């Protein structure tokens, strides 16, 4: 999804829906976004400054209900 979310509104929405309402995201640059509204804003900015992106992260299952993204 990260390959297309910057140009496709539906994929962007699906990407944001992967996060819990109280999730915390920390970028490789050390930026932190707490909560779904801040994560949404983070990704709008992220895709605006990275117009050609592919395979940005690796996802791993932590347990039956949680994933971690590196």
PDB file of N, CA and C in Angstrom:
ATOM      1  N   UNK A   1       0.801  -1.188   0.000  1.00  0.00           N
ATOM      2  CA  UNK A   1       0.000   0.000   0.000  1.00  0.00           C
ATOM      3  C   UNK A   1       0.856   1.271   0.000  1.00  0.00           C
ATOM      4  N   UNK A   2       2.022   1.189   0.630  1.00  0.00           N
ATOM      5  CA  UNK A   2       2.867   2.385   0.682  1.00  0.00           C
ATOM      6  C   UNK A   2       3.319   2.823  -0.703  1.00  0.00           C
ATOM      7  N   UNK A   3       3.326   1.888  -1.656  1.00  0.00           N
ATOM      8  CA  UNK A   3       3.724   2.245  -3.014  1.00  0.00           C
ATOM      9  C   UNK A   3       2.694   3.122  -3.708  1.00  0.00           C
ATOM     10  N   UNK A   4       1.443   3.045  -3.311  1.00  0.00           N
ATOM     11  CA  UNK A   4       0.385   3.768  -4.019  1.00  0.00           C
ATOM     12  C   UNK A   4      -0.377   4.768  -3.158  1.00  0.00           C
ATOM     13  N   UNK A   5      -0.214   4.740  -1.852  1.00  0.00           N
ATOM     14  CA  UNK A   5      -1.004   5.590  -0.960  1.00  0.00           C
ATOM     15  C   UNK A   5      -0.750   7.077  -1.170  1.00  0.00           C
ATOM     16  N   UNK A   6       0.398   7.437  -1.705  1.00  0.00           N
ATOM     17  CA  UNK A   6       0.687   8.843  -1.962  1.00  0.00           C
ATOM     18  C   UNK A   6      -0.108   9.417  -3.113  1.00  0.00           C
ATOM     19  N   UNK A   7      -0.587   8.568  -4.011  1.00  0.00           N
ATOM     20  CA  UNK A   7      -1.347   9.044  -5.168  1.00  0.00           C
ATOM     21  C   UNK A   7      -2.780   8.531  -5.213  1.00  0.00           C
ATOM     22  N   UNK A   8      -3.123   7.612  -4.354  1.00  0.00           N
ATOM     23  CA  UNK A   8      -4.442   6.987  -4.415  1.00  0.00           C
ATOM     24  C   UNK A   8      -5.148   7.161  -3.074  1.00  0.00           C
ATOM     25  N   UNK A   9      -6.221   7.944  -3.084  1.00  0.00           N
ATOM     26  CA  UNK A   9      -6.947   8.255  -1.857  1.00  0.00           C
ATOM     27  C   UNK A   9      -7.469   7.037  -1.125  1.00  0.00           C
ATOM     28  N   UNK A  10      -7.959   6.054  -1.857  1.00  0.00           N
ATOM     29  CA  UNK A  10      -8.476   4.843  -1.218  1.00  0.00           C
ATOM     30  C   UNK A  10      -7.350   4.084  -0.515  1.00  0.00           C
ATOM     31  N   UNK A  11      -6.198   3.977  -1.176  1.00  0.00           N
ATOM     32  CA  UNK A  11      -5.060   3.298  -0.554  1.00  0.00           C
ATOM     33  C   UNK A  11      -4.548   4.076   0.651  1.00  0.00           C
ATOM     34  N   UNK A  12      -4.587   5.401   0.563  1.00  0.00           N
ATOM     35  CA  UNK A  12      -4.182   6.216   1.711  1.00  0.00           C
ATOM     36  C   UNK A  12      -5.097   5.933   2.902  1.00  0.00           C
ATOM     37  N   UNK A  13      -6.395   5.916   2.658  1.00  0.00           N
ATOM     38  CA  UNK A  13      -7.361   5.639   3.725  1.00  0.00           C
ATOM     39  C   UNK A  13      -7.131   4.262   4.316  1.00  0.00           C
ATOM     40  N   UNK A  14      -6.903   3.269   3.470  1.00  0.00           N
ATOM     41  CA  UNK A  14      -6.644   1.911   3.955  1.00  0.00           C
ATOM     42  C   UNK A  14      -5.361   1.858   4.777  1.00  0.00           C
ATOM     43  N   UNK A  15      -4.349   2.602   4.380  1.00  0.00           N
ATOM     44  CA  UNK A  15      -3.111   2.655   5.143  1.00  0.00           C
ATOM     45  C   UNK A  15      -3.368   3.227   6.533  1.00  0.00           C
ATOM     46  N   UNK A  16      -4.075   4.331   6.616  1.00  0.00           N
ATOM     47  CA  UNK A  16      -4.368   4.968   7.900  1.00  0.00           C
ATOM     48  C   UNK A  16      -5.205   4.036   8.775  1.00  0.00           C
ATOM     49  N   UNK A  17      -6.116   3.289   8.176  1.00  0.00           N
ATOM     50  CA  UNK A  17      -6.979   2.378   8.942  1.00  0.00           C
ATOM     51  C   UNK A  17      -6.217   1.207   9.546  1.00  0.00           C
ATOM     52  N   UNK A  18      -4.967   0.998   9.150  1.00  0.00           N
ATOM     53  CA  UNK A  18      -4.147  -0.047   9.762  1.00  0.00           C
ATOM     54  C   UNK A  18      -3.743   0.313  11.193  1.00  0.00           C
ATOM     55  N   UNK A  19      -3.823   1.592  11.532  1.00  0.00           N
ATOM     56  CA  UNK A  19      -3.374   2.068  12.834  1.00  0.00           C
ATOM     57  C   UNK A  19      -4.527   2.154  13.827  1.00  0.00           C
ATOM     58  N   UNK A  20      -4.258   1.760  15.053  1.00  0.00           N
ATOM     59  CA  UNK A  20      -5.238   1.914  16.134  1.00  0.00           C
ATOM     60  C   UNK A  20      -5.401   3.402  16.431  1.00  0.00           C
ATOM     61  N   UNK A  21      -6.563   3.805  16.959  1.00  0.00           N
ATOM     62  CA  UNK A  21      -6.789   5.226  17.255  1.00  0.00           C
ATOM     63  C   UNK A  21      -5.729   5.835  18.173  1.00  0.00           C
ATOM     64  N   UNK A  22      -5.134   5.034  19.042  1.00  0.00           N
ATOM     65  CA  UNK A  22      -4.146   5.563  19.979  1.00  0.00           C
ATOM     66  C   UNK A  22      -2.714   5.135  19.628  1.00  0.00           C
ATOM     67  N   UNK A  23      -2.485   4.745  18.387  1.00  0.00           N
ATOM     68  CA  UNK A  23      -1.156   4.294  17.957  1.00  0.00           C
ATOM     69  C   UNK A  23      -0.144   5.432  18.016  1.00  0.00           C
ATOM     70  N   UNK A  24       1.115   5.044  18.118  1.00  0.00           N
ATOM     71  CA  UNK A  24       2.226   5.989  18.044  1.00  0.00           C
ATOM     72  C   UNK A  24       3.130   5.548  16.910  1.00  0.00           C
ATOM     73  N   UNK A  25       3.504   6.491  16.059  1.00  0.00           N
ATOM     74  CA  UNK A  25       4.385   6.234  14.930  1.00  0.00           C
ATOM     75  C   UNK A  25       5.664   7.043  15.157  1.00  0.00           C
ATOM     76  N   UNK A  26       6.805   6.398  14.990  1.00  0.00           N
ATOM     77  CA  UNK A  26       8.080   7.101  15.031  1.00  0.00           C
ATOM     78  C   UNK A  26       8.787   6.827  13.709  1.00  0.00           C
ATOM     79  N   UNK A  27       9.109   7.896  13.001  1.00  0.00           N
ATOM     80  CA  UNK A  27       9.718   7.749  11.678  1.00  0.00           C
ATOM     81  C   UNK A  27      11.221   7.505  11.800  1.00  0.00           C
ATOM     82  N   UNK A  28      11.826   7.160  10.686  1.00  0.00           N
ATOM     83  CA  UNK A  28      13.268   6.992  10.632  1.00  0.00           C
ATOM     84  C   UNK A  28      14.010   8.286  10.906  1.00  0.00           C
ATOM     85  N   UNK A  29      13.329   9.420  10.754  1.00  0.00           N
ATOM     86  CA  UNK A  29      13.913  10.723  11.039  1.00  0.00           C
ATOM     87  C   UNK A  29      13.745  11.129  12.497  1.00  0.00           C
ATOM     88  N   UNK A  30      13.068  10.267  13.265  1.00  0.00           N
ATOM     89  CA  UNK A  30      12.830  10.585  14.667  1.00  0.00           C
ATOM     90  C   UNK A  30      11.564  11.383  14.920  1.00  0.00           C
ATOM     91  N   UNK A  31      10.769  11.606  13.883  1.00  0.00           N
ATOM     92  CA  UNK A  31       9.494  12.300  14.052  1.00  0.00           C
ATOM     93  C   UNK A  31       8.514  11.355  14.735  1.00  0.00           C
ATOM     94  N   UNK A  32       7.702  11.891  15.642  1.00  0.00           N
ATOM     95  CA  UNK A  32       6.721  11.071  16.345  1.00  0.00           C
ATOM     96  C   UNK A  32       5.331  11.631  16.098  1.00  0.00           C
ATOM     97  N   UNK A  33       4.392  10.729  15.832  1.00  0.00           N
ATOM     98  CA  UNK A  33       2.985  11.090  15.657  1.00  0.00           C
ATOM     99  C   UNK A  33       2.178  10.221  16.606  1.00  0.00           C
ATOM    100  N   UNK A  34       1.475  10.844  17.528  1.00  0.00           N
ATOM    101  CA  UNK A  34       0.664  10.134  18.518  1.00  0.00           C
ATOM    102  C   UNK A  34      -0.810  10.301  18.186  1.00  0.00           C
ATOM    103  N   UNK A  35      -1.505   9.195  17.969  1.00  0.00           N
ATOM    104  CA  UNK A  35      -2.930   9.237  17.674  1.00  0.00           C
ATOM    105  C   UNK A  35      -3.199   9.289  16.186  1.00  0.00           C
ATOM    106  N   UNK A  36      -4.379   8.852  15.818  1.00  0.00           N
ATOM    107  CA  UNK A  36      -4.717   8.680  14.402  1.00  0.00           C
ATOM    108  C   UNK A  36      -4.715   9.993  13.618  1.00  0.00           C
ATOM    109  N   UNK A  37      -5.142  11.091  14.227  1.00  0.00           N
ATOM    110  CA  UNK A  37      -5.140  12.378  13.514  1.00  0.00           C
ATOM    111  C   UNK A  37      -3.722  12.831  13.183  1.00  0.00           C
ATOM    112  N   UNK A  38      -2.807  12.663  14.124  1.00  0.00           N
ATOM    113  CA  UNK A  38      -1.401  13.044  13.899  1.00  0.00           C
ATOM    114  C   UNK A  38      -0.745  12.103  12.892  1.00  0.00           C
ATOM    115  N   UNK A  39      -1.105  10.832  12.939  1.00  0.00           N
ATOM    116  CA  UNK A  39      -0.566   9.866  11.976  1.00  0.00           C
ATOM    117  C   UNK A  39      -1.062  10.208  10.571  1.00  0.00           C
ATOM    118  N   UNK A  40      -2.322  10.560  10.454  1.00  0.00           N
ATOM    119  CA  UNK A  40      -2.879  10.989   9.176  1.00  0.00           C
ATOM    120  C   UNK A  40      -2.098  12.187   8.639  1.00  0.00           C
ATOM    121  N   UNK A  41      -1.872  13.187   9.485  1.00  0.00           N
ATOM    122  CA  UNK A  41      -1.111  14.379   9.079  1.00  0.00           C
ATOM    123  C   UNK A  41       0.315  14.017   8.704  1.00  0.00           C
ATOM    124  N   UNK A  42       0.923  13.131   9.498  1.00  0.00           N
ATOM    125  CA  UNK A  42       2.288  12.697   9.208  1.00  0.00           C
ATOM    126  C   UNK A  42       2.367  12.127   7.798  1.00  0.00           C
ATOM    127  N   UNK A  43       1.449  11.212   7.449  1.00  0.00           N
ATOM    128  CA  UNK A  43       1.517  10.572   6.142  1.00  0.00           C
ATOM    129  C   UNK A  43       1.205  11.541   5.004  1.00  0.00           C
ATOM    130  N   UNK A  44       0.335  12.510   5.226  1.00  0.00           N
ATOM    131  CA  UNK A  44       0.116  13.531   4.184  1.00  0.00           C
ATOM    132  C   UNK A  44       1.426  14.257   3.897  1.00  0.00           C
ATOM    133  N   UNK A  45       2.128  14.656   4.947  1.00  0.00           N
ATOM    134  CA  UNK A  45       3.414  15.338   4.781  1.00  0.00           C
ATOM    135  C   UNK A  45       4.454  14.398   4.186  1.00  0.00           C
ATOM    136  N   UNK A  46       4.497  13.176   4.683  1.00  0.00           N
ATOM    137  CA  UNK A  46       5.455  12.183   4.224  1.00  0.00           C
ATOM    138  C   UNK A  46       5.346  11.943   2.726  1.00  0.00           C
ATOM    139  N   UNK A  47       4.125  11.703   2.245  1.00  0.00           N
ATOM    140  CA  UNK A  47       3.954  11.421   0.818  1.00  0.00           C
ATOM    141  C   UNK A  47       4.150  12.669  -0.031  1.00  0.00           C
ATOM    142  N   UNK A  48       3.898  13.842   0.527  1.00  0.00           N
ATOM    143  CA  UNK A  48       4.141  15.078  -0.222  1.00  0.00           C
ATOM    144  C   UNK A  48       5.638  15.282  -0.464  1.00  0.00           C
ATOM    145  N   UNK A  49       6.469  14.896   0.496  1.00  0.00           N
ATOM    146  CA  UNK A  49       7.909  15.110   0.327  1.00  0.00           C
ATOM    147  C   UNK A  49       8.610  13.899  -0.295  1.00  0.00           C
ATOM    148  N   UNK A  50       7.927  12.790  -0.397  1.00  0.00           N
ATOM    149  CA  UNK A  50       8.495  11.570  -0.986  1.00  0.00           C
ATOM    150  C   UNK A  50       7.570  11.088  -2.087  1.00  0.00           C
ATOM    151  N   UNK A  51       7.617  11.740  -3.211  1.00  0.00           N
ATOM    152  CA  UNK A  51       6.655  11.442  -4.273  1.00  0.00           C
ATOM    153  C   UNK A  51       6.910  10.115  -4.967  1.00  0.00           C
ATOM    154  N   UNK A  52       8.132   9.618  -4.940  1.00  0.00           N
ATOM    155  CA  UNK A  52       8.431   8.329  -5.551  1.00  0.00           C
ATOM    156  C   UNK A  52       9.012   7.415  -4.485  1.00  0.00           C
ATOM    157  N   UNK A  53       8.168   6.580  -3.928  1.00  0.00           N
ATOM    158  CA  UNK A  53       8.535   5.737  -2.819  1.00  0.00           C
ATOM    159  C   UNK A  53       8.189   4.291  -3.087  1.00  0.00           C
ATOM    160  N   UNK A  54       9.038   3.412  -2.652  1.00  0.00           N
ATOM    161  CA  UNK A  54       8.747   1.989  -2.799  1.00  0.00           C
ATOM    162  C   UNK A  54       9.329   1.227  -1.615  1.00  0.00           C
ATOM    163  N   UNK A  55       8.546   0.319  -1.070  1.00  0.00           N
ATOM    164  CA  UNK A  55       8.995  -0.591  -0.015  1.00  0.00           C
ATOM    165  C   UNK A  55       9.693   0.153   1.119  1.00  0.00           C
ATOM    166  N   UNK A  56       8.932   0.966   1.800  1.00  0.00           N
ATOM    167  CA  UNK A  56       9.457   1.837   2.832  1.00  0.00           C
ATOM    168  C   UNK A  56       9.728   1.113   4.135  1.00  0.00           C
ATOM    169  N   UNK A  57       8.966   0.088   4.456  1.00  0.00           N
ATOM    170  CA  UNK A  57       9.125  -0.564   5.753  1.00  0.00           C
ATOM    171  C   UNK A  57       8.866  -2.059   5.668  1.00  0.00           C
ATOM    172  N   UNK A  58       9.259  -2.711   6.745  1.00  0.00           N
ATOM    173  CA  UNK A  58       8.994  -4.140   6.908  1.00  0.00           C
ATOM    174  C   UNK A  58       8.015  -4.308   8.059  1.00  0.00           C
ATOM    175  N   UNK A  59       7.036  -5.166   7.884  1.00  0.00           N
ATOM    176  CA  UNK A  59       6.027  -5.410   8.910  1.00  0.00           C
ATOM    177  C   UNK A  59       6.237  -6.795   9.489  1.00  0.00           C
ATOM    178  N   UNK A  60       6.101  -6.909  10.813  1.00  0.00           N
ATOM    179  CA  UNK A  60       6.204  -8.213  11.460  1.00  0.00           C
ATOM    180  C   UNK A  60       5.099  -8.352  12.487  1.00  0.00           C
ATOM    181  N   UNK A  61       4.613  -9.552  12.646  1.00  0.00           N
ATOM    182  CA  UNK A  61       3.552  -9.837  13.607  1.00  0.00           C
ATOM    183  C   UNK A  61       4.162  -9.976  14.995  1.00  0.00           C
ATOM    184  N   UNK A  62       3.637  -9.245  15.965  1.00  0.00           N
ATOM    185  CA  UNK A  62       4.108  -9.304  17.341  1.00  0.00           C
ATOM    186  C   UNK A  62       3.349 -10.391  18.102  1.00  0.00           C
ATOM    187  N   UNK A  63       2.034 -10.400  17.922  1.00  0.00           N
ATOM    188  CA  UNK A  63       1.185 -11.422  18.522  1.00  0.00           C
ATOM    189  C   UNK A  63      -0.082 -11.511  17.684  1.00  0.00           C
ATOM    190  N   UNK A  64      -1.119 -12.162  18.195  1.00  0.00           N
ATOM    191  CA  UNK A  64      -2.314 -12.390  17.378  1.00  0.00           C
ATOM    192  C   UNK A  64      -3.087 -11.116  17.052  1.00  0.00           C
ATOM    193  N   UNK A  65      -2.841 -10.021  17.749  1.00  0.00           N
ATOM    194  CA  UNK A  65      -3.579  -8.778  17.487  1.00  0.00           C
ATOM    195  C   UNK A  65      -2.706  -7.579  17.180  1.00  0.00           C
ATOM    196  N   UNK A  66      -1.383  -7.731  17.185  1.00  0.00           N
ATOM    197  CA  UNK A  66      -0.497  -6.591  16.980  1.00  0.00           C
ATOM    198  C   UNK A  66       0.579  -6.872  15.937  1.00  0.00           C
ATOM    199  N   UNK A  67       0.918  -5.817  15.208  1.00  0.00           N
ATOM    200  CA  UNK A  67       2.024  -5.851  14.256  1.00  0.00           C
ATOM    201  C   UNK A  67       2.990  -4.737  14.627  1.00  0.00           C
ATOM    202  N   UNK A  68       4.243  -4.918  14.289  1.00  0.00           N
ATOM    203  CA  UNK A  68       5.251  -3.880  14.445  1.00  0.00           C
ATOM    204  C   UNK A  68       5.792  -3.568  13.054  1.00  0.00           C
ATOM    205  N   UNK A  69       6.122  -2.321  12.832  1.00  0.00           N
ATOM    206  CA  UNK A  69       6.610  -1.895  11.532  1.00  0.00           C
ATOM    207  C   UNK A  69       7.984  -1.254  11.732  1.00  0.00           C
ATOM    208  N   UNK A  70       8.983  -1.772  11.034  1.00  0.00           N
ATOM    209  CA  UNK A  70      10.336  -1.230  11.101  1.00  0.00           C
ATOM    210  C   UNK A  70      10.657  -0.510   9.811  1.00  0.00           C
TER     211      UNK A  70
END
